[in-house]
Amino acid sequence: MAKAKVEELLIAGGADRVLQAKYDALKTKEDFVAMAGADGYEFTLAELDDVLKESGDSFDLIGNPAKRQIWWK
């Protein structure tokens, strides 16, 4: 069920560049999970990792300005 919250956030970020930028500014997965919880997306670090692994997405920041390639459209 919480994995669905991860997917919901990744889809929301894919549709909203402001949301993307807010989360892309975070440096760690722990900060990402904490902010997600504060925004109503309750999931664990393990659930985030599971969804990213299943989708083949990487949490790493790339480019300048740095962005993550995790956002779903």
PDB file of N, CA and C in Angstrom:
ATOM      1  N   MET A   1       0.820  -1.191   0.000  1.00  0.00           N
ATOM      2  CA  MET A   1       0.000   0.000   0.000  1.00  0.00           C
ATOM      3  C   MET A   1       0.868   1.261   0.000  1.00  0.00           C
ATOM      4  N   ALA A   2       1.894   1.286   0.831  1.00  0.00           N
ATOM      5  CA  ALA A   2       2.767   2.465   0.869  1.00  0.00           C
ATOM      6  C   ALA A   2       3.556   2.608  -0.425  1.00  0.00           C
ATOM      7  N   LYS A   3       3.816   1.486  -1.101  1.00  0.00           N
ATOM      8  CA  LYS A   3       4.499   1.592  -2.393  1.00  0.00           C
ATOM      9  C   LYS A   3       3.642   2.401  -3.367  1.00  0.00           C
ATOM     10  N   ALA A   4       2.336   2.320  -3.207  1.00  0.00           N
ATOM     11  CA  ALA A   4       1.436   3.117  -4.045  1.00  0.00           C
ATOM     12  C   ALA A   4       1.646   4.611  -3.769  1.00  0.00           C
ATOM     13  N   LYS A   5       1.985   4.967  -2.531  1.00  0.00           N
ATOM     14  CA  LYS A   5       2.264   6.369  -2.196  1.00  0.00           C
ATOM     15  C   LYS A   5       3.545   6.841  -2.875  1.00  0.00           C
ATOM     16  N   VAL A   6       4.549   5.968  -2.966  1.00  0.00           N
ATOM     17  CA  VAL A   6       5.779   6.317  -3.690  1.00  0.00           C
ATOM     18  C   VAL A   6       5.423   6.605  -5.144  1.00  0.00           C
ATOM     19  N   GLU A   7       4.663   5.706  -5.745  1.00  0.00           N
ATOM     20  CA  GLU A   7       4.276   5.874  -7.140  1.00  0.00           C
ATOM     21  C   GLU A   7       3.452   7.144  -7.334  1.00  0.00           C
ATOM     22  N   GLU A   8       2.563   7.436  -6.391  1.00  0.00           N
ATOM     23  CA  GLU A   8       1.747   8.650  -6.457  1.00  0.00           C
ATOM     24  C   GLU A   8       2.627   9.902  -6.460  1.00  0.00           C
ATOM     25  N   LEU A   9       3.652   9.917  -5.609  1.00  0.00           N
ATOM     26  CA  LEU A   9       4.573  11.057  -5.569  1.00  0.00           C
ATOM     27  C   LEU A   9       5.376  11.164  -6.863  1.00  0.00           C
ATOM     28  N   LEU A  10       5.852  10.052  -7.390  1.00  0.00           N
ATOM     29  CA  LEU A  10       6.640  10.092  -8.622  1.00  0.00           C
ATOM     30  C   LEU A  10       5.808  10.574  -9.805  1.00  0.00           C
ATOM     31  N   ILE A  11       4.533  10.216  -9.816  1.00  0.00           N
ATOM     32  CA  ILE A  11       3.635  10.690 -10.872  1.00  0.00           C
ATOM     33  C   ILE A  11       3.345  12.178 -10.684  1.00  0.00           C
ATOM     34  N   ALA A  12       3.081  12.594  -9.446  1.00  0.00           N
ATOM     35  CA  ALA A  12       2.818  14.016  -9.158  1.00  0.00           C
ATOM     36  C   ALA A  12       4.022  14.865  -9.561  1.00  0.00           C
ATOM     37  N   GLY A  13       5.218  14.386  -9.251  1.00  0.00           N
ATOM     38  CA  GLY A  13       6.426  15.112  -9.622  1.00  0.00           C
ATOM     39  C   GLY A  13       6.635  15.169 -11.123  1.00  0.00           C
ATOM     40  N   GLY A  14       6.191  14.137 -11.818  1.00  0.00           N
ATOM     41  CA  GLY A  14       6.299  14.132 -13.275  1.00  0.00           C
ATOM     42  C   GLY A  14       5.418  15.184 -13.926  1.00  0.00           C
ATOM     43  N   ALA A  15       4.351  15.568 -13.224  1.00  0.00           N
ATOM     44  CA  ALA A  15       3.405  16.542 -13.763  1.00  0.00           C
ATOM     45  C   ALA A  15       3.635  17.957 -13.235  1.00  0.00           C
ATOM     46  N   ASP A  16       4.488  18.102 -12.237  1.00  0.00           N
ATOM     47  CA  ASP A  16       4.643  19.391 -11.557  1.00  0.00           C
ATOM     48  C   ASP A  16       6.125  19.713 -11.364  1.00  0.00           C
ATOM     49  N   ARG A  17       6.640  20.624 -12.168  1.00  0.00           N
ATOM     50  CA  ARG A  17       8.070  20.962 -12.102  1.00  0.00           C
ATOM     51  C   ARG A  17       8.463  21.617 -10.785  1.00  0.00           C
ATOM     52  N   VAL A  18       7.540  22.322 -10.158  1.00  0.00           N
ATOM     53  CA  VAL A  18       7.830  22.943  -8.858  1.00  0.00           C
ATOM     54  C   VAL A  18       8.036  21.849  -7.809  1.00  0.00           C
ATOM     55  N   LEU A  19       7.178  20.839  -7.835  1.00  0.00           N
ATOM     56  CA  LEU A  19       7.322  19.705  -6.915  1.00  0.00           C
ATOM     57  C   LEU A  19       8.634  18.970  -7.181  1.00  0.00           C
ATOM     58  N   GLN A  20       8.939  18.761  -8.454  1.00  0.00           N
ATOM     59  CA  GLN A  20      10.216  18.124  -8.826  1.00  0.00           C
ATOM     60  C   GLN A  20      11.390  18.885  -8.235  1.00  0.00           C
ATOM     61  N   ALA A  21      11.413  20.182  -8.431  1.00  0.00           N
ATOM     62  CA  ALA A  21      12.531  21.007  -7.973  1.00  0.00           C
ATOM     63  C   ALA A  21      12.657  20.946  -6.456  1.00  0.00           C
ATOM     64  N   LYS A  22      11.535  20.954  -5.760  1.00  0.00           N
ATOM     65  CA  LYS A  22      11.535  20.880  -4.296  1.00  0.00           C
ATOM     66  C   LYS A  22      12.228  19.607  -3.821  1.00  0.00           C
ATOM     67  N   TYR A  23      11.908  18.482  -4.444  1.00  0.00           N
ATOM     68  CA  TYR A  23      12.482  17.201  -4.040  1.00  0.00           C
ATOM     69  C   TYR A  23      13.884  16.993  -4.608  1.00  0.00           C
ATOM     70  N   ASP A  24      14.149  17.531  -5.785  1.00  0.00           N
ATOM     71  CA  ASP A  24      15.487  17.397  -6.367  1.00  0.00           C
ATOM     72  C   ASP A  24      16.530  18.167  -5.562  1.00  0.00           C
ATOM     73  N   ALA A  25      16.096  19.164  -4.795  1.00  0.00           N
ATOM     74  CA  ALA A  25      17.024  19.950  -3.974  1.00  0.00           C
ATOM     75  C   ALA A  25      17.537  19.166  -2.762  1.00  0.00           C
ATOM     76  N   LEU A  26      16.858  18.079  -2.426  1.00  0.00           N
ATOM     77  CA  LEU A  26      17.263  17.270  -1.270  1.00  0.00           C
ATOM     78  C   LEU A  26      18.450  16.386  -1.637  1.00  0.00           C
ATOM     79  N   LYS A  27      19.353  16.207  -0.704  1.00  0.00           N
ATOM     80  CA  LYS A  27      20.578  15.454  -0.992  1.00  0.00           C
ATOM     81  C   LYS A  27      20.469  13.966  -0.675  1.00  0.00           C
ATOM     82  N   THR A  28      19.673  13.594   0.326  1.00  0.00           N
ATOM     83  CA  THR A  28      19.644  12.191   0.745  1.00  0.00           C
ATOM     84  C   THR A  28      18.255  11.583   0.598  1.00  0.00           C
ATOM     85  N   LYS A  29      18.229  10.270   0.497  1.00  0.00           N
ATOM     86  CA  LYS A  29      16.955   9.559   0.455  1.00  0.00           C
ATOM     87  C   LYS A  29      16.191   9.742   1.759  1.00  0.00           C
ATOM     88  N   GLU A  30      16.919   9.820   2.862  1.00  0.00           N
ATOM     89  CA  GLU A  30      16.261  10.012   4.157  1.00  0.00           C
ATOM     90  C   GLU A  30      15.515  11.346   4.190  1.00  0.00           C
ATOM     91  N   ASP A  31      16.143  12.399   3.667  1.00  0.00           N
ATOM     92  CA  ASP A  31      15.481  13.705   3.592  1.00  0.00           C
ATOM     93  C   ASP A  31      14.274  13.648   2.650  1.00  0.00           C
ATOM     94  N   PHE A  32      14.421  12.913   1.558  1.00  0.00           N
ATOM     95  CA  PHE A  32      13.351  12.745   0.572  1.00  0.00           C
ATOM     96  C   PHE A  32      12.140  12.086   1.223  1.00  0.00           C
ATOM     97  N   VAL A  33      12.382  11.000   1.962  1.00  0.00           N
ATOM     98  CA  VAL A  33      11.303  10.267   2.630  1.00  0.00           C
ATOM     99  C   VAL A  33      10.658  11.141   3.708  1.00  0.00           C
ATOM    100  N   ALA A  34      11.474  11.887   4.448  1.00  0.00           N
ATOM    101  CA  ALA A  34      10.943  12.758   5.497  1.00  0.00           C
ATOM    102  C   ALA A  34      10.055  13.851   4.905  1.00  0.00           C
ATOM    103  N   MET A  35      10.493  14.485   3.821  1.00  0.00           N
ATOM    104  CA  MET A  35       9.687  15.527   3.201  1.00  0.00           C
ATOM    105  C   MET A  35       8.413  14.932   2.609  1.00  0.00           C
ATOM    106  N   ALA A  36       8.534  13.772   2.009  1.00  0.00           N
ATOM    107  CA  ALA A  36       7.352  13.116   1.446  1.00  0.00           C
ATOM    108  C   ALA A  36       6.318  12.871   2.539  1.00  0.00           C
ATOM    109  N   GLY A  37       6.758  12.392   3.696  1.00  0.00           N
ATOM    110  CA  GLY A  37       5.851  12.166   4.809  1.00  0.00           C
ATOM    111  C   GLY A  37       5.174  13.447   5.251  1.00  0.00           C
ATOM    112  N   ALA A  38       5.933  14.526   5.303  1.00  0.00           N
ATOM    113  CA  ALA A  38       5.380  15.818   5.691  1.00  0.00           C
ATOM    114  C   ALA A  38       4.359  16.318   4.668  1.00  0.00           C
ATOM    115  N   ASP A  39       4.516  15.895   3.411  1.00  0.00           N
ATOM    116  CA  ASP A  39       3.598  16.301   2.346  1.00  0.00           C
ATOM    117  C   ASP A  39       2.436  15.319   2.160  1.00  0.00           C
ATOM    118  N   GLY A  40       2.356  14.310   3.047  1.00  0.00           N
ATOM    119  CA  GLY A  40       1.238  13.372   2.987  1.00  0.00           C
ATOM    120  C   GLY A  40       1.493  12.095   2.222  1.00  0.00           C
ATOM    121  N   TYR A  41       2.718  11.887   1.789  1.00  0.00           N
ATOM    122  CA  TYR A  41       3.095  10.656   1.083  1.00  0.00           C
ATOM    123  C   TYR A  41       3.855   9.769   2.062  1.00  0.00           C
ATOM    124  N   GLU A  42       3.148   8.947   2.812  1.00  0.00           N
ATOM    125  CA  GLU A  42       3.777   8.124   3.847  1.00  0.00           C
ATOM    126  C   GLU A  42       4.335   6.836   3.258  1.00  0.00           C
ATOM    127  N   PHE A  43       5.674   6.698   3.287  1.00  0.00           N
ATOM    128  CA  PHE A  43       6.343   5.464   2.882  1.00  0.00           C
ATOM    129  C   PHE A  43       7.712   5.418   3.531  1.00  0.00           C
ATOM    130  N   THR A  44       8.304   4.235   3.493  1.00  0.00           N
ATOM    131  CA  THR A  44       9.617   4.045   4.111  1.00  0.00           C
ATOM    132  C   THR A  44      10.716   4.131   3.056  1.00  0.00           C
ATOM    133  N   LEU A  45      11.927   4.223   3.547  1.00  0.00           N
ATOM    134  CA  LEU A  45      13.090   4.215   2.661  1.00  0.00           C
ATOM    135  C   LEU A  45      13.143   2.914   1.870  1.00  0.00           C
ATOM    136  N   ALA A  46      12.851   1.798   2.519  1.00  0.00           N
ATOM    137  CA  ALA A  46      12.859   0.497   1.843  1.00  0.00           C
ATOM    138  C   ALA A  46      11.812   0.450   0.731  1.00  0.00           C
ATOM    139  N   GLU A  47      10.644   1.041   0.965  1.00  0.00           N
ATOM    140  CA  GLU A  47       9.598   1.054  -0.059  1.00  0.00           C
ATOM    141  C   GLU A  47      10.005   1.947  -1.231  1.00  0.00           C
ATOM    142  N   LEU A  48      10.656   3.057  -0.957  1.00  0.00           N
ATOM    143  CA  LEU A  48      11.173   3.904  -2.030  1.00  0.00           C
ATOM    144  C   LEU A  48      12.192   3.128  -2.856  1.00  0.00           C
ATOM    145  N   ASP A  49      13.119   2.469  -2.181  1.00  0.00           N
ATOM    146  CA  ASP A  49      14.136   1.677  -2.879  1.00  0.00           C
ATOM    147  C   ASP A  49      13.507   0.580  -3.732  1.00  0.00           C
ATOM    148  N   ASP A  50      12.478  -0.086  -3.201  1.00  0.00           N
ATOM    149  CA  ASP A  50      11.810  -1.158  -3.954  1.00  0.00           C
ATOM    150  C   ASP A  50      11.190  -0.627  -5.245  1.00  0.00           C
ATOM    151  N   VAL A  51      10.499   0.502  -5.158  1.00  0.00           N
ATOM    152  CA  VAL A  51       9.849   1.072  -6.343  1.00  0.00           C
ATOM    153  C   VAL A  51      10.901   1.515  -7.361  1.00  0.00           C
ATOM    154  N   LEU A  52      11.959   2.158  -6.890  1.00  0.00           N
ATOM    155  CA  LEU A  52      13.014   2.600  -7.812  1.00  0.00           C
ATOM    156  C   LEU A  52      13.697   1.409  -8.481  1.00  0.00           C
ATOM    157  N   LYS A  53      13.918   0.345  -7.723  1.00  0.00           N
ATOM    158  CA  LYS A  53      14.548  -0.855  -8.287  1.00  0.00           C
ATOM    159  C   LYS A  53      13.637  -1.501  -9.327  1.00  0.00           C
ATOM    160  N   GLU A  54      12.355  -1.626  -8.991  1.00  0.00           N
ATOM    161  CA  GLU A  54      11.400  -2.244  -9.913  1.00  0.00           C
ATOM    162  C   GLU A  54      11.264  -1.455 -11.207  1.00  0.00           C
ATOM    163  N   SER A  55      11.345  -0.123 -11.112  1.00  0.00           N
ATOM    164  CA  SER A  55      11.174   0.717 -12.305  1.00  0.00           C
ATOM    165  C   SER A  55      12.482   0.940 -13.058  1.00  0.00           C
ATOM    166  N   GLY A  56      13.613   0.599 -12.418  1.00  0.00           N
ATOM    167  CA  GLY A  56      14.911   0.809 -13.046  1.00  0.00           C
ATOM    168  C   GLY A  56      15.394   2.244 -12.949  1.00  0.00           C
ATOM    169  N   ASP A  57      14.768   3.031 -12.080  1.00  0.00           N
ATOM    170  CA  ASP A  57      15.150   4.431 -11.918  1.00  0.00           C
ATOM    171  C   ASP A  57      16.271   4.575 -10.894  1.00  0.00           C
ATOM    172  N   SER A  58      17.104   5.591 -11.080  1.00  0.00           N
ATOM    173  CA  SER A  58      18.209   5.876 -10.174  1.00  0.00           C
ATOM    174  C   SER A  58      17.930   7.159  -9.408  1.00  0.00           C
ATOM    175  N   PHE A  59      18.232   7.167  -8.121  1.00  0.00           N
ATOM    176  CA  PHE A  59      18.023   8.330  -7.268  1.00  0.00           C
ATOM    177  C   PHE A  59      19.114   9.384  -7.466  1.00  0.00           C
ATOM    178  N   ASP A  60      20.180   9.030  -8.165  1.00  0.00           N
ATOM    179  CA  ASP A  60      21.315   9.933  -8.346  1.00  0.00           C
ATOM    180  C   ASP A  60      20.903  11.233  -9.029  1.00  0.00           C
ATOM    181  N   LEU A  61      21.560  12.311  -8.626  1.00  0.00           N
ATOM    182  CA  LEU A  61      21.372  13.600  -9.273  1.00  0.00           C
ATOM    183  C   LEU A  61      22.294  13.688 -10.483  1.00  0.00           C
ATOM    184  N   ILE A  62      21.768  14.199 -11.599  1.00  0.00           N
ATOM    185  CA  ILE A  62      22.595  14.375 -12.789  1.00  0.00           C
ATOM    186  C   ILE A  62      22.303  15.740 -13.400  1.00  0.00           C
ATOM    187  N   GLY A  63      23.260  16.254 -14.149  1.00  0.00           N
ATOM    188  CA  GLY A  63      23.081  17.503 -14.871  1.00  0.00           C
ATOM    189  C   GLY A  63      23.354  18.741 -14.038  1.00  0.00           C
ATOM    190  N   ASN A  64      23.187  19.877 -14.702  1.00  0.00           N
ATOM    191  CA  ASN A  64      23.363  21.165 -14.059  1.00  0.00           C
ATOM    192  C   ASN A  64      22.295  22.106 -14.607  1.00  0.00           C
ATOM    193  N   PRO A  65      21.285  22.440 -13.874  1.00  0.00           N
ATOM    194  CA  PRO A  65      21.096  22.126 -12.460  1.00  0.00           C
ATOM    195  C   PRO A  65      20.799  20.640 -12.247  1.00  0.00           C
ATOM    196  N   ALA A  66      21.190  20.159 -11.091  1.00  0.00           N
ATOM    197  CA  ALA A  66      21.050  18.740 -10.779  1.00  0.00           C
ATOM    198  C   ALA A  66      19.576  18.343 -10.681  1.00  0.00           C
ATOM    199  N   LYS A  67      19.255  17.233 -11.340  1.00  0.00           N
ATOM    200  CA  LYS A  67      17.901  16.689 -11.329  1.00  0.00           C
ATOM    201  C   LYS A  67      17.967  15.178 -11.196  1.00  0.00           C
ATOM    202  N   ARG A  68      16.879  14.632 -10.705  1.00  0.00           N
ATOM    203  CA  ARG A  68      16.755  13.170 -10.625  1.00  0.00           C
ATOM    204  C   ARG A  68      15.917  12.687 -11.802  1.00  0.00           C
ATOM    205  N   GLN A  69      16.204  11.488 -12.254  1.00  0.00           N
ATOM    206  CA  GLN A  69      15.473  10.900 -13.363  1.00  0.00           C
ATOM    207  C   GLN A  69      14.438   9.894 -12.854  1.00  0.00           C
ATOM    208  N   ILE A  70      13.767  10.239 -11.758  1.00  0.00           N
ATOM    209  CA  ILE A  70      12.824   9.319 -11.125  1.00  0.00           C
ATOM    210  C   ILE A  70      11.373   9.672 -11.427  1.00  0.00           C
ATOM    211  N   TRP A  71      11.140  10.849 -11.988  1.00  0.00           N
ATOM    212  CA  TRP A  71       9.775  11.352 -12.130  1.00  0.00           C
ATOM    213  C   TRP A  71       9.057  10.695 -13.286  1.00  0.00           C
ATOM    214  N   TRP A  72       7.840  10.241 -13.025  1.00  0.00           N
ATOM    215  CA  TRP A  72       7.037   9.525 -14.018  1.00  0.00           C
ATOM    216  C   TRP A  72       6.058  10.469 -14.676  1.00  0.00           C
ATOM    217  N   LYS A  73       5.892  10.274 -15.971  1.00  0.00           N
ATOM    218  CA  LYS A  73       4.928  11.093 -16.727  1.00  0.00           C
ATOM    219  C   LYS A  73       3.786  10.258 -17.197  1.00  0.00           C
TER     220      LYS A  73
END
